[in-house]
């Protein structure tokens, strides 16, 4: 089946509405949609061949998780900018709100760690989502980037 340029553009438009506006499952599904549209384009242009699971034989779930996390980090960077900048802005806002209660100001790397803890707290509650491991890997990558810049 060949998709028209209009159909592809419509799918991208619809997915982007959610990828920048929502986090969690909606954002992850939007990311998967954008990834799928890209795969369809590559298939139609002959730049990719289809395989049943689109993985190398022997690819583990851990490797698949890291591939999805990498795509998520790229998409979030395009939407929100580098994590160091985004987390620094957020930390500055929290510092402004809680500055008189903190011993020292929070850094971007501190905020990445807080996001990891927040995701773990959500996962331990009743609102557990399937994308927790992807988000944790993504926040860990953001933490590594923030720490490399400080």
N, C-alpha and C. Protein backbone atom coordinates (compact mmCIF):
# COMPACT_ATOMS: atom_id res chain seq x y z
N UNK A 1 0.85 -1.18 0.00
CA UNK A 1 0.00 0.00 0.00
C UNK A 1 0.89 1.24 0.00
N UNK A 2 0.59 2.15 -0.87
CA UNK A 2 1.34 3.40 -0.97
C UNK A 2 0.51 4.52 -0.34
N UNK A 3 1.12 5.27 0.55
CA UNK A 3 0.46 6.42 1.15
C UNK A 3 0.83 7.67 0.35
N UNK A 4 -0.14 8.53 0.18
CA UNK A 4 0.12 9.78 -0.53
C UNK A 4 0.89 10.74 0.37
N UNK A 5 1.50 11.75 -0.26
CA UNK A 5 2.20 12.77 0.51
C UNK A 5 1.24 13.46 1.48
N UNK A 6 0.00 13.64 1.07
CA UNK A 6 -1.00 14.30 1.92
C UNK A 6 -1.32 13.44 3.14
N UNK A 7 -1.44 12.12 2.94
CA UNK A 7 -1.72 11.23 4.06
C UNK A 7 -0.56 11.23 5.06
N UNK A 8 0.64 11.21 4.54
CA UNK A 8 1.82 11.23 5.41
C UNK A 8 1.88 12.56 6.16
N UNK A 9 1.66 13.67 5.45
CA UNK A 9 1.69 14.99 6.09
C UNK A 9 0.62 15.09 7.18
N UNK A 10 -0.56 14.54 6.92
CA UNK A 10 -1.64 14.57 7.91
C UNK A 10 -1.26 13.76 9.15
N UNK A 11 -0.67 12.58 8.95
CA UNK A 11 -0.25 11.75 10.09
C UNK A 11 0.81 12.47 10.92
N UNK A 12 1.76 13.12 10.26
CA UNK A 12 2.80 13.86 10.97
C UNK A 12 2.18 15.02 11.75
N UNK A 13 1.29 15.76 11.10
CA UNK A 13 0.63 16.89 11.75
C UNK A 13 -0.12 16.45 13.01
N UNK A 14 -0.89 15.37 12.89
CA UNK A 14 -1.67 14.88 14.03
C UNK A 14 -0.75 14.40 15.17
N UNK A 15 0.31 13.70 14.83
CA UNK A 15 1.22 13.21 15.86
C UNK A 15 1.94 14.35 16.55
N UNK A 16 2.35 15.36 15.81
CA UNK A 16 3.07 16.49 16.41
C UNK A 16 2.20 17.29 17.35
N UNK A 17 0.90 17.27 17.13
CA UNK A 17 -0.01 17.97 18.06
C UNK A 17 0.15 17.41 19.47
N UNK A 18 0.39 16.10 19.57
CA UNK A 18 0.50 15.46 20.88
C UNK A 18 1.93 15.35 21.37
N UNK A 19 2.90 15.25 20.46
CA UNK A 19 4.27 15.00 20.90
C UNK A 19 4.84 16.17 21.69
N UNK A 20 4.41 17.39 21.41
CA UNK A 20 4.94 18.53 22.15
C UNK A 20 4.05 18.96 23.30
N UNK A 21 2.79 18.56 23.27
CA UNK A 21 1.83 19.05 24.26
C UNK A 21 1.69 18.13 25.46
N UNK A 22 1.95 16.87 25.27
CA UNK A 22 1.73 15.91 26.35
C UNK A 22 2.98 15.09 26.59
N UNK A 23 3.14 14.65 27.82
CA UNK A 23 4.22 13.74 28.14
C UNK A 23 3.60 12.39 28.46
N UNK A 24 4.41 11.46 28.80
CA UNK A 24 3.90 10.14 29.17
C UNK A 24 3.41 9.37 27.96
N UNK A 25 2.36 8.61 28.14
CA UNK A 25 1.88 7.69 27.12
C UNK A 25 1.49 8.40 25.83
N UNK A 26 0.77 9.52 25.89
CA UNK A 26 0.36 10.23 24.67
C UNK A 26 1.57 10.70 23.88
N UNK A 27 2.56 11.25 24.57
CA UNK A 27 3.77 11.70 23.89
C UNK A 27 4.54 10.54 23.29
N UNK A 28 4.59 9.42 24.01
CA UNK A 28 5.29 8.24 23.51
C UNK A 28 4.59 7.69 22.28
N UNK A 29 3.25 7.62 22.33
CA UNK A 29 2.51 7.14 21.16
C UNK A 29 2.69 8.07 19.97
N UNK A 30 2.72 9.36 20.21
CA UNK A 30 2.97 10.32 19.13
C UNK A 30 4.35 10.09 18.54
N UNK A 31 5.34 9.85 19.40
CA UNK A 31 6.69 9.58 18.93
C UNK A 31 6.72 8.31 18.08
N UNK A 32 6.04 7.26 18.54
CA UNK A 32 5.98 6.02 17.76
C UNK A 32 5.34 6.28 16.40
N UNK A 33 4.30 7.11 16.37
CA UNK A 33 3.64 7.43 15.11
C UNK A 33 4.60 8.14 14.17
N UNK A 34 5.34 9.12 14.69
CA UNK A 34 6.31 9.83 13.87
C UNK A 34 7.38 8.88 13.35
N UNK A 35 7.82 7.97 14.20
CA UNK A 35 8.81 6.97 13.80
C UNK A 35 8.23 6.07 12.70
N UNK A 36 7.00 5.65 12.86
CA UNK A 36 6.35 4.81 11.86
C UNK A 36 6.21 5.53 10.53
N UNK A 37 5.81 6.79 10.57
CA UNK A 37 5.68 7.58 9.34
C UNK A 37 7.04 7.66 8.65
N UNK A 38 8.09 7.88 9.42
CA UNK A 38 9.43 7.92 8.83
C UNK A 38 9.78 6.58 8.18
N UNK A 39 9.43 5.48 8.83
CA UNK A 39 9.69 4.16 8.25
C UNK A 39 8.90 3.97 6.96
N UNK A 40 7.64 4.40 6.94
CA UNK A 40 6.82 4.28 5.73
C UNK A 40 7.46 5.07 4.59
N UNK A 41 7.91 6.28 4.89
CA UNK A 41 8.59 7.09 3.87
C UNK A 41 9.80 6.35 3.32
N UNK A 42 10.62 5.82 4.22
CA UNK A 42 11.83 5.12 3.79
C UNK A 42 11.50 3.88 2.97
N UNK A 43 10.47 3.14 3.37
CA UNK A 43 10.03 1.98 2.61
C UNK A 43 9.57 2.37 1.21
N UNK A 44 8.77 3.43 1.14
CA UNK A 44 8.23 3.88 -0.14
C UNK A 44 9.33 4.41 -1.06
N UNK A 45 10.37 5.00 -0.47
CA UNK A 45 11.48 5.53 -1.27
C UNK A 45 12.50 4.45 -1.59
N UNK A 46 12.31 3.25 -1.04
CA UNK A 46 13.24 2.15 -1.30
C UNK A 46 14.52 2.23 -0.48
N UNK A 47 14.53 3.06 0.55
CA UNK A 47 15.71 3.21 1.40
C UNK A 47 15.72 2.26 2.58
N UNK A 48 14.72 1.39 2.66
CA UNK A 48 14.61 0.48 3.78
C UNK A 48 13.85 -0.75 3.31
N UNK A 49 14.21 -1.89 3.84
CA UNK A 49 13.46 -3.10 3.54
C UNK A 49 12.69 -3.51 4.78
N UNK A 50 11.53 -4.09 4.57
CA UNK A 50 10.68 -4.48 5.69
C UNK A 50 11.08 -5.85 6.20
N UNK A 51 11.20 -5.94 7.52
CA UNK A 51 11.35 -7.22 8.20
C UNK A 51 10.28 -7.28 9.27
N UNK A 52 9.85 -8.45 9.60
CA UNK A 52 8.70 -8.62 10.48
C UNK A 52 8.77 -7.81 11.75
N UNK A 53 9.90 -7.82 12.46
CA UNK A 53 9.98 -7.07 13.71
C UNK A 53 10.93 -5.88 13.62
N UNK A 54 11.50 -5.66 12.44
CA UNK A 54 12.39 -4.53 12.19
C UNK A 54 13.59 -4.49 13.15
N UNK A 55 14.02 -5.66 13.59
CA UNK A 55 15.18 -5.75 14.47
C UNK A 55 16.18 -6.74 13.90
N UNK A 56 17.42 -6.52 14.26
CA UNK A 56 18.44 -7.49 13.93
C UNK A 56 18.15 -8.77 14.71
N UNK A 57 18.43 -9.93 14.13
CA UNK A 57 18.24 -11.17 14.89
C UNK A 57 19.04 -11.13 16.19
N UNK A 58 18.43 -11.56 17.27
CA UNK A 58 19.10 -11.58 18.55
C UNK A 58 19.03 -10.27 19.33
N UNK A 59 18.33 -9.27 18.80
CA UNK A 59 18.20 -8.00 19.51
C UNK A 59 17.38 -8.23 20.78
N UNK A 60 17.92 -7.78 21.89
CA UNK A 60 17.24 -7.99 23.16
C UNK A 60 16.23 -6.88 23.43
N UNK A 61 15.38 -7.10 24.43
CA UNK A 61 14.44 -6.06 24.84
C UNK A 61 15.19 -4.84 25.37
N UNK A 62 16.32 -5.06 26.02
CA UNK A 62 17.12 -3.94 26.53
C UNK A 62 17.62 -3.08 25.36
N UNK A 63 18.08 -3.72 24.29
CA UNK A 63 18.53 -2.97 23.12
C UNK A 63 17.37 -2.21 22.47
N UNK A 64 16.22 -2.86 22.39
CA UNK A 64 15.04 -2.20 21.83
C UNK A 64 14.65 -0.99 22.67
N UNK A 65 14.68 -1.16 23.98
CA UNK A 65 14.38 -0.05 24.90
C UNK A 65 15.31 1.13 24.65
N UNK A 66 16.61 0.85 24.51
CA UNK A 66 17.56 1.93 24.30
C UNK A 66 17.34 2.62 22.95
N UNK A 67 16.95 1.86 21.93
CA UNK A 67 16.64 2.46 20.62
C UNK A 67 15.44 3.41 20.74
N UNK A 68 14.40 2.97 21.43
CA UNK A 68 13.22 3.81 21.60
C UNK A 68 13.55 5.02 22.46
N UNK A 69 14.34 4.81 23.52
CA UNK A 69 14.74 5.94 24.38
C UNK A 69 15.55 6.95 23.58
N UNK A 70 16.43 6.48 22.72
CA UNK A 70 17.23 7.38 21.90
C UNK A 70 16.33 8.21 20.98
N UNK A 71 15.35 7.57 20.36
CA UNK A 71 14.42 8.31 19.50
C UNK A 71 13.61 9.32 20.33
N UNK A 72 13.24 8.94 21.53
CA UNK A 72 12.48 9.83 22.41
C UNK A 72 13.31 11.05 22.79
N UNK A 73 14.57 10.83 23.15
CA UNK A 73 15.45 11.93 23.53
C UNK A 73 15.62 12.89 22.35
N UNK A 74 15.79 12.34 21.15
CA UNK A 74 15.91 13.20 19.96
C UNK A 74 14.65 14.03 19.75
N UNK A 75 13.50 13.39 19.89
CA UNK A 75 12.23 14.10 19.68
C UNK A 75 12.04 15.17 20.74
N UNK A 76 12.34 14.85 21.99
CA UNK A 76 12.18 15.83 23.06
C UNK A 76 13.13 17.01 22.87
N UNK A 77 14.35 16.73 22.41
CA UNK A 77 15.31 17.81 22.15
C UNK A 77 14.76 18.74 21.08
N UNK A 78 14.17 18.17 20.03
CA UNK A 78 13.61 18.99 18.95
C UNK A 78 12.43 19.82 19.47
N UNK A 79 11.66 19.26 20.39
CA UNK A 79 10.49 19.96 20.92
C UNK A 79 10.84 20.96 22.00
N UNK A 80 11.68 20.56 22.96
CA UNK A 80 11.93 21.38 24.15
C UNK A 80 13.33 21.99 24.21
N UNK A 81 14.22 21.60 23.32
CA UNK A 81 15.60 22.07 23.37
C UNK A 81 16.45 21.12 24.18
N UNK A 82 17.75 21.43 24.30
CA UNK A 82 18.65 20.55 25.06
C UNK A 82 18.18 20.39 26.50
N UNK A 83 18.31 19.20 27.07
CA UNK A 83 17.83 18.99 28.43
C UNK A 83 18.52 19.89 29.44
N UNK A 84 19.79 20.19 29.24
CA UNK A 84 20.48 21.08 30.17
C UNK A 84 19.81 22.44 30.26
N UNK A 85 19.40 22.97 29.10
CA UNK A 85 18.72 24.27 29.09
C UNK A 85 17.33 24.17 29.72
N UNK A 86 16.57 23.15 29.31
CA UNK A 86 15.20 22.97 29.82
C UNK A 86 15.23 22.73 31.34
N UNK A 87 16.09 21.82 31.80
CA UNK A 87 16.15 21.51 33.22
C UNK A 87 16.69 22.70 34.01
N UNK A 88 17.62 23.46 33.45
CA UNK A 88 18.14 24.64 34.15
C UNK A 88 17.03 25.68 34.35
N UNK A 89 16.18 25.87 33.33
CA UNK A 89 15.06 26.80 33.47
C UNK A 89 14.11 26.33 34.57
N UNK A 90 13.80 25.03 34.55
CA UNK A 90 12.89 24.48 35.56
C UNK A 90 13.51 24.60 36.96
N UNK A 91 14.79 24.25 37.08
CA UNK A 91 15.47 24.36 38.38
C UNK A 91 15.48 25.81 38.86
N UNK A 92 15.68 26.76 37.94
CA UNK A 92 15.68 28.18 38.33
C UNK A 92 14.31 28.58 38.87
N UNK A 93 13.25 28.08 38.25
CA UNK A 93 11.90 28.39 38.73
C UNK A 93 11.67 27.80 40.13
N UNK A 94 12.11 26.57 40.33
CA UNK A 94 11.97 25.92 41.64
C UNK A 94 12.84 26.65 42.66
N UNK A 95 14.05 27.05 42.25
CA UNK A 95 14.91 27.81 43.16
C UNK A 95 14.24 29.12 43.57
N UNK A 96 13.56 29.78 42.62
CA UNK A 96 12.84 31.01 42.95
C UNK A 96 11.71 30.76 43.93
N UNK A 97 11.03 29.66 43.74
CA UNK A 97 9.90 29.32 44.61
C UNK A 97 10.37 28.87 46.00
N UNK A 98 11.42 28.06 46.04
CA UNK A 98 11.85 27.46 47.31
C UNK A 98 13.20 27.95 47.80
N UNK A 99 13.73 29.00 47.16
CA UNK A 99 15.09 29.47 47.46
C UNK A 99 15.39 29.69 48.92
N UNK A 100 14.42 30.19 49.67
CA UNK A 100 14.68 30.46 51.09
C UNK A 100 14.71 29.18 51.92
N UNK A 101 14.35 28.05 51.34
CA UNK A 101 14.35 26.78 52.07
C UNK A 101 15.50 25.86 51.66
N UNK A 102 16.20 26.21 50.57
CA UNK A 102 17.27 25.35 50.07
C UNK A 102 18.62 25.78 50.61
N UNK A 103 19.50 24.82 50.84
CA UNK A 103 20.86 25.14 51.28
C UNK A 103 21.69 25.68 50.12
N UNK A 104 21.45 25.13 48.93
CA UNK A 104 22.12 25.62 47.73
C UNK A 104 21.16 25.44 46.55
N UNK A 105 21.33 26.25 45.49
CA UNK A 105 20.41 26.16 44.36
C UNK A 105 20.50 24.82 43.64
N UNK A 106 19.37 24.37 43.10
CA UNK A 106 19.33 23.15 42.30
C UNK A 106 19.98 23.40 40.95
N UNK A 107 20.60 22.38 40.40
CA UNK A 107 21.22 22.46 39.08
C UNK A 107 20.38 21.67 38.08
N UNK A 108 20.73 21.77 36.81
CA UNK A 108 20.06 21.00 35.77
C UNK A 108 20.20 19.49 36.05
N UNK A 109 21.40 19.07 36.48
CA UNK A 109 21.62 17.66 36.80
C UNK A 109 20.76 17.23 38.00
N UNK A 110 20.60 18.11 38.98
CA UNK A 110 19.71 17.81 40.10
C UNK A 110 18.30 17.56 39.59
N UNK A 111 17.87 18.42 38.64
CA UNK A 111 16.50 18.29 38.14
C UNK A 111 16.33 16.98 37.37
N UNK A 112 17.32 16.56 36.62
CA UNK A 112 17.25 15.28 35.92
C UNK A 112 17.05 14.14 36.92
N UNK A 113 17.75 14.21 38.04
CA UNK A 113 17.60 13.18 39.08
C UNK A 113 16.21 13.23 39.71
N UNK A 114 15.69 14.43 39.90
CA UNK A 114 14.33 14.57 40.44
C UNK A 114 13.32 13.95 39.48
N UNK A 115 13.51 14.13 38.18
CA UNK A 115 12.60 13.56 37.20
C UNK A 115 12.66 12.03 37.22
N UNK A 116 13.86 11.49 37.44
CA UNK A 116 13.99 10.03 37.56
C UNK A 116 13.22 9.55 38.78
N UNK A 117 13.37 10.25 39.90
CA UNK A 117 12.64 9.87 41.12
C UNK A 117 11.13 10.00 40.91
N UNK A 118 10.70 11.06 40.22
CA UNK A 118 9.28 11.26 39.95
C UNK A 118 8.73 10.11 39.12
N UNK A 119 9.48 9.69 38.10
CA UNK A 119 9.01 8.58 37.25
C UNK A 119 8.94 7.29 38.07
N UNK A 120 9.92 7.06 38.93
CA UNK A 120 9.89 5.86 39.79
C UNK A 120 8.70 5.91 40.74
N UNK A 121 8.41 7.09 41.29
CA UNK A 121 7.27 7.23 42.20
C UNK A 121 5.96 6.94 41.47
N UNK A 122 5.82 7.44 40.25
CA UNK A 122 4.62 7.14 39.46
C UNK A 122 4.50 5.65 39.20
N UNK A 123 5.64 5.02 38.89
CA UNK A 123 5.64 3.59 38.57
C UNK A 123 5.24 2.74 39.77
N UNK A 124 5.55 3.19 40.95
CA UNK A 124 5.19 2.44 42.15
C UNK A 124 3.74 2.66 42.55
N UNK A 125 3.10 3.65 41.97
CA UNK A 125 1.70 3.93 42.29
C UNK A 125 0.75 3.14 41.40
N UNK A 126 -0.50 3.51 41.45
CA UNK A 126 -1.52 2.80 40.68
C UNK A 126 -1.59 3.24 39.22
N UNK A 127 -0.94 4.35 38.87
CA UNK A 127 -0.99 4.88 37.50
C UNK A 127 0.24 4.49 36.70
N UNK A 128 0.72 3.29 36.90
CA UNK A 128 1.89 2.78 36.21
C UNK A 128 1.63 2.75 34.70
N UNK A 129 2.64 3.14 33.89
CA UNK A 129 2.49 3.11 32.44
C UNK A 129 3.58 2.24 31.82
N UNK A 130 3.30 1.80 30.61
CA UNK A 130 4.24 0.91 29.91
C UNK A 130 5.51 1.63 29.48
N UNK A 131 5.49 2.95 29.40
CA UNK A 131 6.66 3.68 28.91
C UNK A 131 7.62 4.09 30.02
N UNK A 132 7.43 3.58 31.24
CA UNK A 132 8.30 3.95 32.36
C UNK A 132 9.76 3.68 32.06
N UNK A 133 10.08 2.50 31.54
CA UNK A 133 11.48 2.17 31.29
C UNK A 133 12.09 3.07 30.23
N UNK A 134 11.30 3.43 29.21
CA UNK A 134 11.79 4.35 28.18
C UNK A 134 12.08 5.71 28.81
N UNK A 135 11.15 6.21 29.62
CA UNK A 135 11.34 7.50 30.27
C UNK A 135 12.56 7.49 31.19
N UNK A 136 12.73 6.42 31.97
CA UNK A 136 13.88 6.33 32.86
C UNK A 136 15.19 6.36 32.08
N UNK A 137 15.25 5.61 30.99
CA UNK A 137 16.46 5.61 30.15
C UNK A 137 16.69 7.00 29.56
N UNK A 138 15.62 7.64 29.14
CA UNK A 138 15.75 8.99 28.59
C UNK A 138 16.24 10.00 29.62
N UNK A 139 15.67 9.94 30.82
CA UNK A 139 16.12 10.87 31.88
C UNK A 139 17.56 10.57 32.30
N UNK A 140 17.95 9.30 32.30
CA UNK A 140 19.34 8.97 32.61
C UNK A 140 20.27 9.55 31.54
N UNK A 141 19.86 9.50 30.28
CA UNK A 141 20.66 10.10 29.21
C UNK A 141 20.74 11.61 29.39
N UNK A 142 19.63 12.23 29.77
CA UNK A 142 19.62 13.68 30.04
C UNK A 142 20.54 14.03 31.20
N UNK A 143 20.53 13.20 32.24
CA UNK A 143 21.41 13.42 33.38
C UNK A 143 22.87 13.36 32.94
N UNK A 144 23.22 12.37 32.13
CA UNK A 144 24.60 12.25 31.64
C UNK A 144 24.99 13.49 30.84
N UNK A 145 24.08 13.97 30.01
CA UNK A 145 24.37 15.18 29.22
C UNK A 145 24.53 16.40 30.12
N UNK A 146 23.64 16.57 31.09
CA UNK A 146 23.74 17.71 32.01
C UNK A 146 25.05 17.67 32.79
N UNK A 147 25.43 16.50 33.28
CA UNK A 147 26.67 16.39 34.05
C UNK A 147 27.90 16.61 33.18
N UNK A 148 27.81 16.27 31.91
CA UNK A 148 28.97 16.48 31.03
C UNK A 148 29.17 17.95 30.71
N UNK A 149 28.12 18.76 30.88
CA UNK A 149 28.20 20.18 30.58
C UNK A 149 28.56 21.03 31.79
N UNK A 150 28.60 20.41 32.96
CA UNK A 150 28.90 21.20 34.17
C UNK A 150 30.34 21.07 34.60
